Protein backbone atom coordinates (compact mmCIF):
# COMPACT_ATOMS: atom_id res chain seq x y z
CA MET A 1 -272.98 -51.96 177.00
CA PHE A 2 -276.51 -51.93 175.56
CA CYS A 3 -278.68 -52.76 172.54
CA VAL A 4 -281.54 -50.86 170.89
CA GLY A 5 -284.23 -52.35 168.69
CA ALA A 6 -286.92 -50.99 166.37
CA ALA A 7 -290.26 -52.73 165.92
CA ASP A 8 -293.14 -52.08 163.54
CA ASP A 9 -296.78 -51.50 164.50
CA ALA A 10 -297.38 -55.25 164.73
CA GLY A 11 -294.54 -55.63 167.24
CA VAL A 12 -292.17 -57.39 164.85
CA LEU A 13 -288.51 -56.53 165.48
CA ARG A 14 -287.16 -54.97 162.27
CA ALA A 15 -283.75 -53.53 163.24
CA VAL A 16 -281.17 -53.63 166.03
CA ALA A 17 -278.05 -51.68 167.06
CA MET A 18 -275.35 -52.76 169.51
CA VAL A 19 -273.28 -50.26 171.47
CA SER A 20 -270.11 -51.08 173.38
CA LEU A 21 -266.84 -49.67 174.60
CA PRO A 22 -264.52 -48.39 171.85
CA VAL A 23 -262.34 -50.94 170.08
CA ALA A 24 -259.36 -48.53 169.90
CA ARG A 25 -257.70 -48.18 173.30
CA MET A 26 -256.93 -44.47 172.89
CA TYR A 27 -260.67 -43.69 172.66
CA ASP A 28 -261.52 -45.76 175.75
CA ASN A 29 -261.63 -42.82 178.16
CA GLY A 30 -264.62 -43.95 180.23
CA GLN A 31 -267.01 -41.52 178.51
CA THR A 32 -266.97 -42.68 174.90
CA LEU A 33 -269.14 -45.44 173.46
CA GLU A 34 -269.12 -46.90 169.96
CA VAL A 35 -271.88 -48.29 167.77
CA THR A 36 -270.32 -51.61 166.88
CA ARG A 37 -273.08 -53.16 164.79
CA THR A 38 -276.42 -52.42 163.17
CA SER A 39 -278.69 -54.83 161.38
CA THR A 40 -282.00 -54.36 159.56
CA ASP A 41 -284.26 -56.40 157.36
CA GLY A 42 -284.19 -53.65 154.73
CA VAL A 43 -286.90 -51.44 156.17
CA ARG A 44 -286.51 -47.83 155.05
CA ASN A 45 -284.73 -45.34 157.40
CA ALA A 46 -284.17 -47.95 160.11
CA ASN A 47 -280.47 -47.13 160.57
CA SER A 48 -281.22 -43.42 160.99
CA LEU A 49 -283.85 -44.27 163.59
CA LEU A 50 -281.38 -46.51 165.46
CA TYR A 51 -278.53 -43.99 165.42
CA GLY A 52 -280.87 -41.30 166.73
CA ALA A 53 -282.07 -43.56 169.53
CA VAL A 54 -278.51 -44.54 170.47
CA TRP A 55 -277.40 -40.90 170.55
CA ARG A 56 -280.23 -39.96 172.92
């Protein structure tokens, strides 16, 4: 459905999150999305930042 990225002050992409429709069919009700993947280069608190951005 969509992707979210986090960059540092220099504009270097440090983390990404991908969101899509749920894998399980019973959760695919047209209103539910699922974070299917996150990836960081080890920067501190990047996953928390991504999950917060995805939720909003």
